[in-house]
Amino acid sequence: MTDHDHATVSLLIVDDHPVVRDGLRGMFESEPGFTVLGEAPNGVAAVALAASLDPDVILMDLRMPGGGGVDAITELTRRGARAKVLVLTTYDTDSDTLPAIEAGATGYLLKDAPRDELFAGVRAAAEGRTVLSPAVASRLVSAVRAPRSSGPGSEVLSAREREVLVLVARGTSNREIARELFISEATVKTHLTHLYAKLGVNDRAAAVATAYERGILGG
């Protein structure tokens, strides 16, 4: 059946626990339509193996000694790897899943998901579809909406605060900002205090970084 052969999904399994790797390998190899090309114990090995094996899908753990998953995903994306990366996580509120998806992962699966869900997830990823659980999907949506309001109880920056932020981003000192905006240095400090509170940061560098991240300042 050439049609079935064509639909075989090749996998690279990345996890620092041999037991997890063995379990996943056994599961996928016993299911028609999947082939496991290799395994890696960390992100660095995963990037090297992905280059030589060219799998369709990489099942990637995130926290591994010797090279974590987010760094590996970033590197795979940078190299333009063809493989779709599916993050394997233990619980769907894992704070690392968002950075992983931002780095280029196509989605993620829970390690204890039922077999059929794992198979369906990997097939969907191979076809280029996003695989997310509802918990992470809603967190992603709120992260994308963050520019409107930057966290609990905060409001959007005022036009004046935005002006101050733009000048801060250019490395302008408080004194120069005061001169440029025709306000006192004390007023500049007040604007900065409000800015920091709204962005949830403590200093100029963090304010600028957060503003770029949230799209308040253009890239």
N, C-alpha and C. Protein backbone atom coordinates (compact mmCIF):
# COMPACT_ATOMS: atom_id res chain seq x y z
N MET A 1 0.83 -1.20 0.00
CA MET A 1 0.00 0.00 0.00
C MET A 1 0.87 1.25 0.00
N THR A 2 1.18 1.74 -1.18
CA THR A 2 2.07 2.90 -1.25
C THR A 2 1.44 4.13 -0.62
N ASP A 3 0.12 4.22 -0.72
CA ASP A 3 -0.57 5.38 -0.16
C ASP A 3 -0.31 5.45 1.36
N HIS A 4 -0.37 4.28 2.01
CA HIS A 4 -0.15 4.25 3.46
C HIS A 4 1.30 4.58 3.79
N ASP A 5 2.23 4.04 3.01
CA ASP A 5 3.66 4.32 3.23
C ASP A 5 3.91 5.82 3.17
N HIS A 6 3.26 6.44 2.22
CA HIS A 6 3.48 7.87 2.01
C HIS A 6 3.05 8.66 3.24
N ALA A 7 2.03 8.13 3.96
CA ALA A 7 1.47 8.86 5.10
C ALA A 7 2.23 8.59 6.41
N THR A 8 3.32 7.79 6.33
CA THR A 8 4.08 7.49 7.55
C THR A 8 4.74 8.75 8.09
N VAL A 9 4.57 8.98 9.38
CA VAL A 9 5.14 10.15 10.03
C VAL A 9 6.42 9.74 10.75
N SER A 10 7.54 10.41 10.43
CA SER A 10 8.80 10.06 11.09
C SER A 10 9.03 10.97 12.29
N LEU A 11 9.56 10.36 13.37
CA LEU A 11 9.67 11.06 14.64
C LEU A 11 11.08 11.06 15.22
N LEU A 12 11.38 12.14 15.95
CA LEU A 12 12.57 12.19 16.79
C LEU A 12 12.04 12.46 18.20
N ILE A 13 12.45 11.62 19.15
CA ILE A 13 11.96 11.77 20.53
C ILE A 13 13.06 12.37 21.40
N VAL A 14 12.76 13.49 22.07
CA VAL A 14 13.76 14.19 22.88
C VAL A 14 13.28 14.28 24.33
N ASP A 15 13.96 13.56 25.22
CA ASP A 15 13.62 13.59 26.64
C ASP A 15 14.82 13.08 27.41
N ASP A 16 15.05 13.66 28.59
CA ASP A 16 16.23 13.22 29.34
C ASP A 16 15.96 11.96 30.16
N HIS A 17 14.74 11.47 30.18
CA HIS A 17 14.45 10.22 30.91
C HIS A 17 14.34 9.04 29.95
N PRO A 18 15.28 8.08 30.04
CA PRO A 18 15.25 6.92 29.15
C PRO A 18 13.91 6.18 29.20
N VAL A 19 13.30 6.11 30.38
CA VAL A 19 12.03 5.39 30.51
C VAL A 19 10.94 6.05 29.67
N VAL A 20 10.93 7.39 29.68
CA VAL A 20 9.94 8.13 28.88
C VAL A 20 10.20 7.88 27.39
N ARG A 21 11.48 7.97 27.00
CA ARG A 21 11.82 7.74 25.58
C ARG A 21 11.42 6.33 25.15
N ASP A 22 11.74 5.34 25.97
CA ASP A 22 11.39 3.95 25.63
C ASP A 22 9.88 3.78 25.49
N GLY A 23 9.15 4.39 26.43
CA GLY A 23 7.69 4.28 26.39
C GLY A 23 7.12 4.88 25.13
N LEU A 24 7.59 6.06 24.78
CA LEU A 24 7.09 6.73 23.58
C LEU A 24 7.49 5.98 22.32
N ARG A 25 8.74 5.54 22.30
CA ARG A 25 9.22 4.78 21.12
C ARG A 25 8.35 3.54 20.92
N GLY A 26 8.15 2.78 22.01
CA GLY A 26 7.35 1.55 21.94
C GLY A 26 5.94 1.83 21.43
N MET A 27 5.37 2.90 21.96
CA MET A 27 3.99 3.25 21.61
C MET A 27 3.87 3.60 20.13
N PHE A 28 4.77 4.46 19.65
CA PHE A 28 4.68 4.90 18.25
C PHE A 28 5.09 3.80 17.27
N GLU A 29 6.06 2.96 17.67
CA GLU A 29 6.50 1.91 16.75
C GLU A 29 5.46 0.80 16.61
N SER A 30 4.60 0.67 17.63
CA SER A 30 3.58 -0.39 17.55
C SER A 30 2.35 0.08 16.77
N GLU A 31 2.33 1.36 16.44
CA GLU A 31 1.18 1.92 15.73
C GLU A 31 1.52 2.13 14.26
N PRO A 32 0.74 1.53 13.34
CA PRO A 32 1.02 1.72 11.92
C PRO A 32 0.99 3.21 11.56
N GLY A 33 1.88 3.62 10.64
CA GLY A 33 1.85 5.00 10.20
C GLY A 33 2.87 5.89 10.89
N PHE A 34 3.62 5.30 11.83
CA PHE A 34 4.67 6.08 12.51
C PHE A 34 5.99 5.33 12.46
N THR A 35 7.07 6.08 12.35
CA THR A 35 8.39 5.46 12.46
C THR A 35 9.28 6.38 13.31
N VAL A 36 9.98 5.79 14.28
CA VAL A 36 10.85 6.57 15.16
C VAL A 36 12.27 6.51 14.61
N LEU A 37 12.79 7.67 14.18
CA LEU A 37 14.12 7.71 13.56
C LEU A 37 15.24 7.75 14.59
N GLY A 38 14.95 8.31 15.77
CA GLY A 38 16.01 8.43 16.77
C GLY A 38 15.52 9.06 18.05
N GLU A 39 16.45 9.12 19.02
CA GLU A 39 16.14 9.72 20.32
C GLU A 39 17.30 10.61 20.73
N ALA A 40 16.99 11.63 21.53
CA ALA A 40 18.04 12.50 22.05
C ALA A 40 17.74 12.80 23.52
N PRO A 41 18.80 12.89 24.35
CA PRO A 41 18.60 13.15 25.78
C PRO A 41 18.56 14.63 26.15
N ASN A 42 18.88 15.53 25.20
CA ASN A 42 18.85 16.97 25.48
C ASN A 42 18.71 17.76 24.19
N GLY A 43 18.55 19.08 24.36
CA GLY A 43 18.28 19.96 23.22
C GLY A 43 19.43 20.05 22.23
N VAL A 44 20.65 20.03 22.74
CA VAL A 44 21.82 20.15 21.85
C VAL A 44 21.89 18.95 20.91
N ALA A 45 21.73 17.75 21.50
CA ALA A 45 21.74 16.52 20.70
C ALA A 45 20.56 16.52 19.73
N ALA A 46 19.43 17.06 20.17
CA ALA A 46 18.23 17.09 19.33
C ALA A 46 18.47 17.89 18.06
N VAL A 47 19.12 19.05 18.21
CA VAL A 47 19.38 19.91 17.05
C VAL A 47 20.29 19.19 16.05
N ALA A 48 21.33 18.52 16.57
CA ALA A 48 22.26 17.79 15.71
C ALA A 48 21.55 16.64 15.00
N LEU A 49 20.75 15.87 15.75
CA LEU A 49 20.05 14.73 15.16
C LEU A 49 18.99 15.17 14.16
N ALA A 50 18.33 16.28 14.45
CA ALA A 50 17.31 16.77 13.51
C ALA A 50 17.93 17.07 12.16
N ALA A 51 19.17 17.59 12.20
CA ALA A 51 19.86 17.92 10.95
C ALA A 51 20.18 16.66 10.15
N SER A 52 20.60 15.60 10.85
CA SER A 52 21.01 14.40 10.10
C SER A 52 19.83 13.48 9.77
N LEU A 53 18.80 13.43 10.63
CA LEU A 53 17.70 12.49 10.41
C LEU A 53 16.51 13.10 9.65
N ASP A 54 16.38 14.42 9.71
CA ASP A 54 15.28 15.14 9.05
C ASP A 54 13.91 14.53 9.33
N PRO A 55 13.51 14.48 10.62
CA PRO A 55 12.20 13.90 10.95
C PRO A 55 11.06 14.84 10.57
N ASP A 56 9.84 14.27 10.47
CA ASP A 56 8.66 15.10 10.22
C ASP A 56 8.29 15.87 11.49
N VAL A 57 8.35 15.15 12.62
CA VAL A 57 7.92 15.73 13.90
C VAL A 57 8.96 15.43 14.98
N ILE A 58 9.23 16.43 15.82
CA ILE A 58 10.11 16.23 16.98
C ILE A 58 9.26 16.36 18.23
N LEU A 59 9.26 15.30 19.05
CA LEU A 59 8.59 15.37 20.36
C LEU A 59 9.62 15.88 21.34
N MET A 60 9.41 17.06 21.89
CA MET A 60 10.47 17.75 22.64
C MET A 60 10.07 18.02 24.09
N ASP A 61 10.83 17.43 25.01
CA ASP A 61 10.68 17.79 26.42
C ASP A 61 11.29 19.18 26.58
N LEU A 62 10.93 19.93 27.63
CA LEU A 62 11.45 21.29 27.74
C LEU A 62 12.59 21.42 28.73
N ARG A 63 12.48 20.76 29.89
CA ARG A 63 13.51 20.93 30.93
C ARG A 63 14.43 19.73 30.94
N MET A 64 15.63 19.95 30.41
CA MET A 64 16.60 18.85 30.33
C MET A 64 17.99 19.37 30.66
N PRO A 65 18.72 18.64 31.52
CA PRO A 65 20.11 19.04 31.75
C PRO A 65 20.89 18.89 30.44
N GLY A 66 21.81 19.79 30.18
CA GLY A 66 22.63 19.67 28.97
C GLY A 66 21.99 20.30 27.75
N GLY A 67 20.93 21.08 27.96
CA GLY A 67 20.32 21.78 26.81
C GLY A 67 18.82 21.66 26.83
N GLY A 68 18.13 22.76 27.18
CA GLY A 68 16.68 22.74 27.29
C GLY A 68 15.97 22.83 25.96
N GLY A 69 14.66 22.59 26.00
CA GLY A 69 13.86 22.55 24.79
C GLY A 69 13.66 23.88 24.10
N VAL A 70 13.46 24.96 24.89
CA VAL A 70 13.19 26.26 24.25
C VAL A 70 14.38 26.71 23.41
N ASP A 71 15.60 26.55 23.95
CA ASP A 71 16.81 26.90 23.19
C ASP A 71 16.92 26.07 21.92
N ALA A 72 16.60 24.78 22.05
CA ALA A 72 16.68 23.89 20.88
C ALA A 72 15.67 24.31 19.81
N ILE A 73 14.46 24.67 20.24
CA ILE A 73 13.43 25.08 19.29
C ILE A 73 13.85 26.37 18.59
N THR A 74 14.42 27.29 19.36
CA THR A 74 14.90 28.56 18.80
C THR A 74 15.94 28.28 17.72
N GLU A 75 16.87 27.37 18.01
CA GLU A 75 17.94 27.04 17.07
C GLU A 75 17.39 26.33 15.83
N LEU A 76 16.44 25.41 16.03
CA LEU A 76 15.84 24.71 14.89
C LEU A 76 15.12 25.70 13.97
N THR A 77 14.42 26.65 14.58
CA THR A 77 13.71 27.67 13.80
C THR A 77 14.72 28.52 13.02
N ARG A 78 15.80 28.88 13.71
CA ARG A 78 16.84 29.71 13.07
C ARG A 78 17.44 28.99 11.86
N ARG A 79 17.60 27.67 12.00
CA ARG A 79 18.18 26.89 10.91
C ARG A 79 17.17 26.56 9.81
N GLY A 80 15.92 26.90 10.05
CA GLY A 80 14.88 26.60 9.06
C GLY A 80 14.59 25.12 8.94
N ALA A 81 14.68 24.40 10.07
CA ALA A 81 14.42 22.95 10.06
C ALA A 81 12.99 22.68 9.59
N ARG A 82 12.84 21.61 8.82
CA ARG A 82 11.53 21.25 8.27
C ARG A 82 10.61 20.66 9.35
N ALA A 83 11.22 20.03 10.34
CA ALA A 83 10.46 19.33 11.37
C ALA A 83 9.51 20.25 12.12
N LYS A 84 8.33 19.71 12.42
CA LYS A 84 7.40 20.41 13.32
C LYS A 84 7.76 19.96 14.74
N VAL A 85 7.80 20.90 15.67
CA VAL A 85 8.14 20.55 17.05
C VAL A 85 6.89 20.52 17.92
N LEU A 86 6.67 19.37 18.57
CA LEU A 86 5.58 19.25 19.53
C LEU A 86 6.20 19.14 20.90
N VAL A 87 5.86 20.05 21.78
CA VAL A 87 6.41 20.04 23.12
C VAL A 87 5.68 18.99 23.95
N LEU A 88 6.46 18.22 24.72
CA LEU A 88 5.88 17.26 25.64
C LEU A 88 5.97 17.85 27.03
N THR A 89 4.86 18.01 27.70
CA THR A 89 4.91 18.60 29.03
C THR A 89 4.09 17.78 30.00
N THR A 90 4.40 17.92 31.28
CA THR A 90 3.74 17.12 32.29
C THR A 90 2.40 17.71 32.69
N TYR A 91 2.31 19.05 32.64
CA TYR A 91 1.03 19.68 33.01
C TYR A 91 0.81 20.89 32.14
N ASP A 92 -0.46 21.15 31.81
CA ASP A 92 -0.70 22.15 30.76
C ASP A 92 -0.68 23.59 31.25
N THR A 93 -0.25 23.80 32.49
CA THR A 93 -0.06 25.19 32.93
C THR A 93 1.43 25.50 33.01
N ASP A 94 2.25 24.65 32.42
CA ASP A 94 3.70 24.84 32.46
C ASP A 94 4.08 26.20 31.87
N SER A 95 4.81 26.99 32.66
CA SER A 95 5.14 28.34 32.21
C SER A 95 6.09 28.34 31.01
N ASP A 96 6.75 27.21 30.73
CA ASP A 96 7.67 27.16 29.60
C ASP A 96 6.97 26.94 28.27
N THR A 97 5.69 26.57 28.29
CA THR A 97 5.05 26.26 27.00
C THR A 97 4.88 27.50 26.13
N LEU A 98 4.59 28.65 26.75
CA LEU A 98 4.43 29.87 25.93
C LEU A 98 5.73 30.26 25.23
N PRO A 99 6.87 30.35 25.97
CA PRO A 99 8.13 30.64 25.28
C PRO A 99 8.44 29.63 24.19
N ALA A 100 8.09 28.36 24.42
CA ALA A 100 8.36 27.32 23.41
C ALA A 100 7.57 27.59 22.14
N ILE A 101 6.31 27.99 22.31
CA ILE A 101 5.48 28.26 21.14
C ILE A 101 5.95 29.53 20.44
N GLU A 102 6.35 30.53 21.26
CA GLU A 102 6.90 31.75 20.66
C GLU A 102 8.19 31.46 19.90
N ALA A 103 8.95 30.47 20.38
CA ALA A 103 10.23 30.12 19.74
C ALA A 103 10.02 29.34 18.44
N GLY A 104 8.80 28.84 18.23
CA GLY A 104 8.53 28.15 16.98
C GLY A 104 7.90 26.77 17.08
N ALA A 105 7.61 26.31 18.30
CA ALA A 105 6.93 25.01 18.43
C ALA A 105 5.54 25.13 17.84
N THR A 106 5.05 24.03 17.28
CA THR A 106 3.75 24.06 16.62
C THR A 106 2.63 23.77 17.62
N GLY A 107 3.01 23.36 18.82
CA GLY A 107 2.01 23.07 19.83
C GLY A 107 2.60 22.15 20.88
N TYR A 108 1.73 21.56 21.69
CA TYR A 108 2.28 20.67 22.70
C TYR A 108 1.27 19.62 23.12
N LEU A 109 1.80 18.55 23.69
CA LEU A 109 0.98 17.45 24.19
C LEU A 109 1.35 17.16 25.63
N LEU A 110 0.38 16.68 26.38
CA LEU A 110 0.67 16.26 27.75
C LEU A 110 1.24 14.84 27.71
N LYS A 111 2.27 14.60 28.54
CA LYS A 111 2.91 13.29 28.54
C LYS A 111 1.95 12.18 28.90
N ASP A 112 0.95 12.51 29.73
CA ASP A 112 0.02 11.44 30.13
C ASP A 112 -1.27 11.43 29.30
N ALA A 113 -1.23 12.09 28.14
CA ALA A 113 -2.42 12.08 27.27
C ALA A 113 -2.68 10.65 26.80
N PRO A 114 -3.94 10.29 26.54
CA PRO A 114 -4.24 8.95 26.02
C PRO A 114 -3.52 8.72 24.69
N ARG A 115 -3.17 7.47 24.43
CA ARG A 115 -2.43 7.10 23.21
C ARG A 115 -3.02 7.74 21.96
N ASP A 116 -4.34 7.60 21.81
CA ASP A 116 -4.98 8.10 20.58
C ASP A 116 -4.80 9.60 20.42
N GLU A 117 -4.76 10.30 21.56
CA GLU A 117 -4.57 11.75 21.52
C GLU A 117 -3.14 12.08 21.08
N LEU A 118 -2.17 11.29 21.56
CA LEU A 118 -0.78 11.48 21.15
C LEU A 118 -0.64 11.23 19.65
N PHE A 119 -1.22 10.13 19.18
CA PHE A 119 -1.14 9.80 17.74
C PHE A 119 -1.78 10.91 16.90
N ALA A 120 -2.98 11.33 17.32
CA ALA A 120 -3.70 12.36 16.56
C ALA A 120 -2.92 13.67 16.57
N GLY A 121 -2.33 13.99 17.73
CA GLY A 121 -1.57 15.23 17.86
C GLY A 121 -0.36 15.25 16.93
N VAL A 122 0.35 14.13 16.89
CA VAL A 122 1.55 14.05 16.04
C VAL A 122 1.15 14.11 14.56
N ARG A 123 0.06 13.42 14.20
CA ARG A 123 -0.42 13.48 12.80
C ARG A 123 -0.79 14.92 12.43
N ALA A 124 -1.49 15.58 13.34
CA ALA A 124 -1.93 16.96 13.07
C ALA A 124 -0.71 17.87 12.90
N ALA A 125 0.29 17.69 13.77
CA ALA A 125 1.51 18.51 13.68
C ALA A 125 2.21 18.27 12.35
N ALA A 126 2.30 17.01 11.94
CA ALA A 126 2.97 16.65 10.67
C ALA A 126 2.27 17.34 9.50
N GLU A 127 0.96 17.53 9.63
CA GLU A 127 0.19 18.20 8.56
C GLU A 127 0.24 19.72 8.69
N GLY A 128 0.97 20.20 9.71
CA GLY A 128 1.13 21.64 9.85
C GLY A 128 0.04 22.31 10.66
N ARG A 129 -0.75 21.50 11.38
CA ARG A 129 -1.79 22.11 12.22
C ARG A 129 -1.25 22.36 13.62
N THR A 130 -1.81 23.36 14.30
CA THR A 130 -1.39 23.69 15.65
C THR A 130 -2.10 22.79 16.65
N VAL A 131 -1.35 22.29 17.61
CA VAL A 131 -1.90 21.37 18.60
C VAL A 131 -1.78 22.01 19.98
N LEU A 132 -2.90 22.49 20.52
CA LEU A 132 -2.87 23.14 21.83
C LEU A 132 -4.01 22.64 22.69
N SER A 133 -3.78 22.53 23.97
CA SER A 133 -4.89 22.21 24.86
C SER A 133 -5.62 23.51 25.15
N PRO A 134 -6.89 23.44 25.54
CA PRO A 134 -7.65 24.66 25.80
C PRO A 134 -6.96 25.58 26.82
N ALA A 135 -6.32 25.00 27.83
CA ALA A 135 -5.69 25.83 28.87
C ALA A 135 -4.61 26.73 28.28
N VAL A 136 -3.76 26.16 27.42
CA VAL A 136 -2.70 26.98 26.84
C VAL A 136 -3.23 27.89 25.74
N ALA A 137 -4.21 27.40 25.01
CA ALA A 137 -4.78 28.22 23.94
C ALA A 137 -5.32 29.52 24.52
N SER A 138 -6.00 29.46 25.66
CA SER A 138 -6.57 30.69 26.22
C SER A 138 -5.47 31.58 26.77
N ARG A 139 -4.37 30.98 27.31
CA ARG A 139 -3.27 31.79 27.80
C ARG A 139 -2.55 32.48 26.65
N LEU A 140 -2.45 31.79 25.52
CA LEU A 140 -1.81 32.39 24.35
C LEU A 140 -2.62 33.58 23.87
N VAL A 141 -3.92 33.42 23.84
CA VAL A 141 -4.78 34.51 23.38
C VAL A 141 -4.61 35.71 24.30
N SER A 142 -4.58 35.49 25.63
CA SER A 142 -4.43 36.64 26.52
C SER A 142 -3.04 37.24 26.41
N ALA A 143 -2.03 36.42 26.11
CA ALA A 143 -0.68 36.97 25.93
C ALA A 143 -0.64 37.87 24.69
N VAL A 144 -1.35 37.45 23.65
CA VAL A 144 -1.40 38.24 22.42
C VAL A 144 -2.17 39.54 22.65
N ARG A 145 -3.15 39.48 23.55
CA ARG A 145 -3.96 40.67 23.82
C ARG A 145 -3.30 41.61 24.82
N ALA A 146 -2.19 41.18 25.42
CA ALA A 146 -1.54 41.95 26.49
C ALA A 146 -1.27 43.43 26.15
N PRO A 147 -0.97 43.79 24.89
CA PRO A 147 -0.72 45.21 24.61
C PRO A 147 -1.86 46.13 25.03
N ARG A 148 -3.09 45.65 24.97
CA ARG A 148 -4.22 46.51 25.35
C ARG A 148 -4.12 46.91 26.81
N SER A 149 -3.95 45.92 27.67
CA SER A 149 -3.75 46.25 29.08
C SER A 149 -2.66 45.33 29.59
N SER A 150 -1.73 45.89 30.33
CA SER A 150 -0.52 45.16 30.62
C SER A 150 -0.53 44.50 31.98
N GLY A 151 -1.51 43.62 32.19
CA GLY A 151 -1.50 42.90 33.45
C GLY A 151 -2.59 43.38 34.38
N PRO A 152 -2.60 42.82 35.59
CA PRO A 152 -3.71 43.07 36.50
C PRO A 152 -3.84 44.54 36.88
N GLY A 153 -5.06 45.07 36.73
CA GLY A 153 -5.38 46.40 37.21
C GLY A 153 -4.64 47.54 36.53
N SER A 154 -3.99 47.26 35.41
CA SER A 154 -3.25 48.37 34.78
C SER A 154 -4.02 48.88 33.58
N GLU A 155 -3.72 50.09 33.15
CA GLU A 155 -4.41 50.62 31.99
C GLU A 155 -3.37 50.94 30.91
N VAL A 156 -3.88 51.25 29.73
CA VAL A 156 -2.99 51.55 28.62
C VAL A 156 -2.20 52.83 28.93
N LEU A 157 -1.00 52.90 28.37
CA LEU A 157 -0.16 54.09 28.59
C LEU A 157 -0.82 55.33 28.01
N SER A 158 -0.66 56.46 28.69
CA SER A 158 -1.17 57.71 28.16
C SER A 158 -0.23 58.18 27.04
N ALA A 159 -0.69 59.11 26.26
CA ALA A 159 0.13 59.63 25.15
C ALA A 159 1.46 60.19 25.69
N ARG A 160 1.40 60.90 26.80
CA ARG A 160 2.61 61.48 27.39
C ARG A 160 3.57 60.40 27.87
N GLU A 161 3.02 59.36 28.52
CA GLU A 161 3.87 58.26 28.99
C GLU A 161 4.54 57.56 27.80
N ARG A 162 3.80 57.43 26.73
CA ARG A 162 4.35 56.82 25.52
C ARG A 162 5.50 57.66 24.97
N GLU A 163 5.33 58.98 24.98
CA GLU A 163 6.40 59.89 24.51
C GLU A 163 7.66 59.70 25.36
N VAL A 164 7.45 59.65 26.68
CA VAL A 164 8.59 59.46 27.60
C VAL A 164 9.26 58.12 27.29
N LEU A 165 8.45 57.08 27.08
CA LEU A 165 8.98 55.74 26.82
C LEU A 165 9.82 55.71 25.53
N VAL A 166 9.33 56.37 24.51
CA VAL A 166 10.06 56.42 23.23
C VAL A 166 11.44 57.06 23.45
N LEU A 167 11.48 58.15 24.23
CA LEU A 167 12.74 58.83 24.50
C LEU A 167 13.66 57.94 25.36
N VAL A 168 13.07 57.24 26.32
CA VAL A 168 13.86 56.32 27.16
C VAL A 168 14.48 55.24 26.26
N ALA A 169 13.69 54.74 25.31
CA ALA A 169 14.16 53.69 24.41
C ALA A 169 15.35 54.16 23.57
N ARG A 170 15.41 55.50 23.36
CA ARG A 170 16.56 56.04 22.59
C ARG A 170 17.75 56.31 23.49
N GLY A 171 17.60 56.01 24.79
CA GLY A 171 18.71 56.21 25.71
C GLY A 171 18.80 57.63 26.23
N THR A 172 17.71 58.39 26.12
CA THR A 172 17.70 59.79 26.58
C THR A 172 17.66 59.86 28.10
N SER A 173 18.41 60.76 28.69
CA SER A 173 18.41 60.91 30.16
C SER A 173 17.16 61.68 30.60
N ASN A 174 16.84 61.56 31.89
CA ASN A 174 15.68 62.27 32.43
C ASN A 174 15.77 63.77 32.15
N ARG A 175 16.96 64.32 32.33
CA ARG A 175 17.13 65.77 32.12
C ARG A 175 16.82 66.14 30.67
N GLU A 176 17.33 65.34 29.75
CA GLU A 176 17.09 65.62 28.32
C GLU A 176 15.61 65.43 27.97
N ILE A 177 14.98 64.42 28.58
CA ILE A 177 13.54 64.20 28.33
C ILE A 177 12.76 65.43 28.80
N ALA A 178 13.12 65.93 30.00
CA ALA A 178 12.44 67.11 30.55
C ALA A 178 12.56 68.28 29.58
N ARG A 179 13.78 68.47 29.05
CA ARG A 179 14.02 69.58 28.13
C ARG A 179 13.22 69.40 26.85
N GLU A 180 13.23 68.19 26.33
CA GLU A 180 12.57 67.93 25.05
C GLU A 180 11.04 68.06 25.14
N LEU A 181 10.47 67.67 26.28
CA LEU A 181 9.02 67.70 26.42
C LEU A 181 8.52 68.94 27.16
N PHE A 182 9.47 69.83 27.50
CA PHE A 182 9.12 71.06 28.23
C PHE A 182 8.38 70.77 29.54
N ILE A 183 8.89 69.78 30.27
CA ILE A 183 8.32 69.48 31.59
C ILE A 183 9.48 69.42 32.59
N SER A 184 9.17 69.40 33.89
CA SER A 184 10.24 69.34 34.89
C SER A 184 10.75 67.91 35.01
N GLU A 185 11.97 67.81 35.54
CA GLU A 185 12.56 66.49 35.74
C GLU A 185 11.72 65.67 36.71
N ALA A 186 11.14 66.35 37.70
CA ALA A 186 10.27 65.65 38.67
C ALA A 186 9.07 65.02 37.97
N THR A 187 8.52 65.76 36.98
CA THR A 187 7.37 65.24 36.22
C THR A 187 7.79 64.03 35.38
N VAL A 188 9.00 64.08 34.82
CA VAL A 188 9.52 62.94 34.05
C VAL A 188 9.56 61.71 34.96
N LYS A 189 10.07 61.92 36.19
CA LYS A 189 10.17 60.79 37.13
C LYS A 189 8.79 60.24 37.48
N THR A 190 7.82 61.13 37.61
CA THR A 190 6.45 60.69 37.89
C THR A 190 5.92 59.84 36.74
N HIS A 191 6.13 60.32 35.51
CA HIS A 191 5.69 59.55 34.33
C HIS A 191 6.36 58.17 34.32
N LEU A 192 7.66 58.15 34.63
CA LEU A 192 8.39 56.88 34.64
C LEU A 192 7.82 55.93 35.69
N THR A 193 7.52 56.47 36.86
CA THR A 193 6.95 55.66 37.94
C THR A 193 5.65 55.01 37.48
N HIS A 194 4.80 55.80 36.81
CA HIS A 194 3.52 55.27 36.31
C HIS A 194 3.75 54.22 35.23
N LEU A 195 4.69 54.54 34.35
CA LEU A 195 5.06 53.62 33.27
C LEU A 195 5.48 52.26 33.83
N TYR A 196 6.41 52.30 34.78
CA TYR A 196 6.94 51.07 35.37
C TYR A 196 5.81 50.26 36.00
N ALA A 197 4.92 50.96 36.71
CA ALA A 197 3.80 50.26 37.37
C ALA A 197 2.90 49.59 36.33
N LYS A 198 2.60 50.33 35.26
CA LYS A 198 1.72 49.77 34.23
C LYS A 198 2.36 48.59 33.51
N LEU A 199 3.65 48.65 33.30
CA LEU A 199 4.34 47.57 32.58
C LEU A 199 4.80 46.46 33.52
N GLY A 200 4.70 46.71 34.82
CA GLY A 200 5.11 45.70 35.79
C GLY A 200 6.62 45.52 35.83
N VAL A 201 7.38 46.61 35.71
CA VAL A 201 8.85 46.53 35.69
C VAL A 201 9.44 47.50 36.72
N ASN A 202 10.76 47.39 36.93
CA ASN A 202 11.42 48.23 37.94
C ASN A 202 12.47 49.18 37.39
N ASP A 203 12.83 49.04 36.12
CA ASP A 203 13.88 49.93 35.61
C ASP A 203 13.68 50.22 34.12
N ARG A 204 14.53 51.14 33.64
CA ARG A 204 14.40 51.61 32.25
C ARG A 204 14.55 50.48 31.23
N ALA A 205 15.59 49.67 31.44
CA ALA A 205 15.87 48.59 30.47
C ALA A 205 14.69 47.63 30.36
N ALA A 206 14.16 47.26 31.52
CA ALA A 206 13.02 46.32 31.52
C ALA A 206 11.79 46.97 30.89
N ALA A 207 11.62 48.27 31.14
CA ALA A 207 10.47 48.98 30.56
C ALA A 207 10.54 48.94 29.04
N VAL A 208 11.73 49.21 28.51
CA VAL A 208 11.91 49.22 27.05
C VAL A 208 11.71 47.82 26.47
N ALA A 209 12.32 46.83 27.12
CA ALA A 209 12.20 45.44 26.63
C ALA A 209 10.74 45.00 26.63
N THR A 210 10.04 45.27 27.71
CA THR A 210 8.64 44.87 27.83
C THR A 210 7.78 45.59 26.79
N ALA A 211 8.08 46.88 26.58
CA ALA A 211 7.31 47.65 25.60
C ALA A 211 7.47 47.08 24.18
N TYR A 212 8.69 46.68 23.84
CA TYR A 212 8.89 46.06 22.51
C TYR A 212 8.16 44.74 22.43
N GLU A 213 8.27 43.95 23.51
CA GLU A 213 7.66 42.63 23.56
C GLU A 213 6.15 42.72 23.35
N ARG A 214 5.55 43.76 23.93
CA ARG A 214 4.09 43.88 23.86
C ARG A 214 3.63 44.69 22.67
N GLY A 215 4.57 45.14 21.85
CA GLY A 215 4.18 45.88 20.66
C GLY A 215 3.80 47.32 20.93
N ILE A 216 4.13 47.83 22.15
CA ILE A 216 3.85 49.24 22.46
C ILE A 216 4.84 50.11 21.71
N LEU A 217 6.08 49.64 21.63
CA LEU A 217 7.11 50.30 20.80
C LEU A 217 7.29 49.43 19.56
N GLY A 218 7.39 50.05 18.40
CA GLY A 218 7.59 49.27 17.18
C GLY A 218 8.95 48.60 17.17
N GLY A 219 9.09 47.48 16.46
CA GLY A 219 10.33 46.71 16.50
C GLY A 219 11.45 47.32 15.75
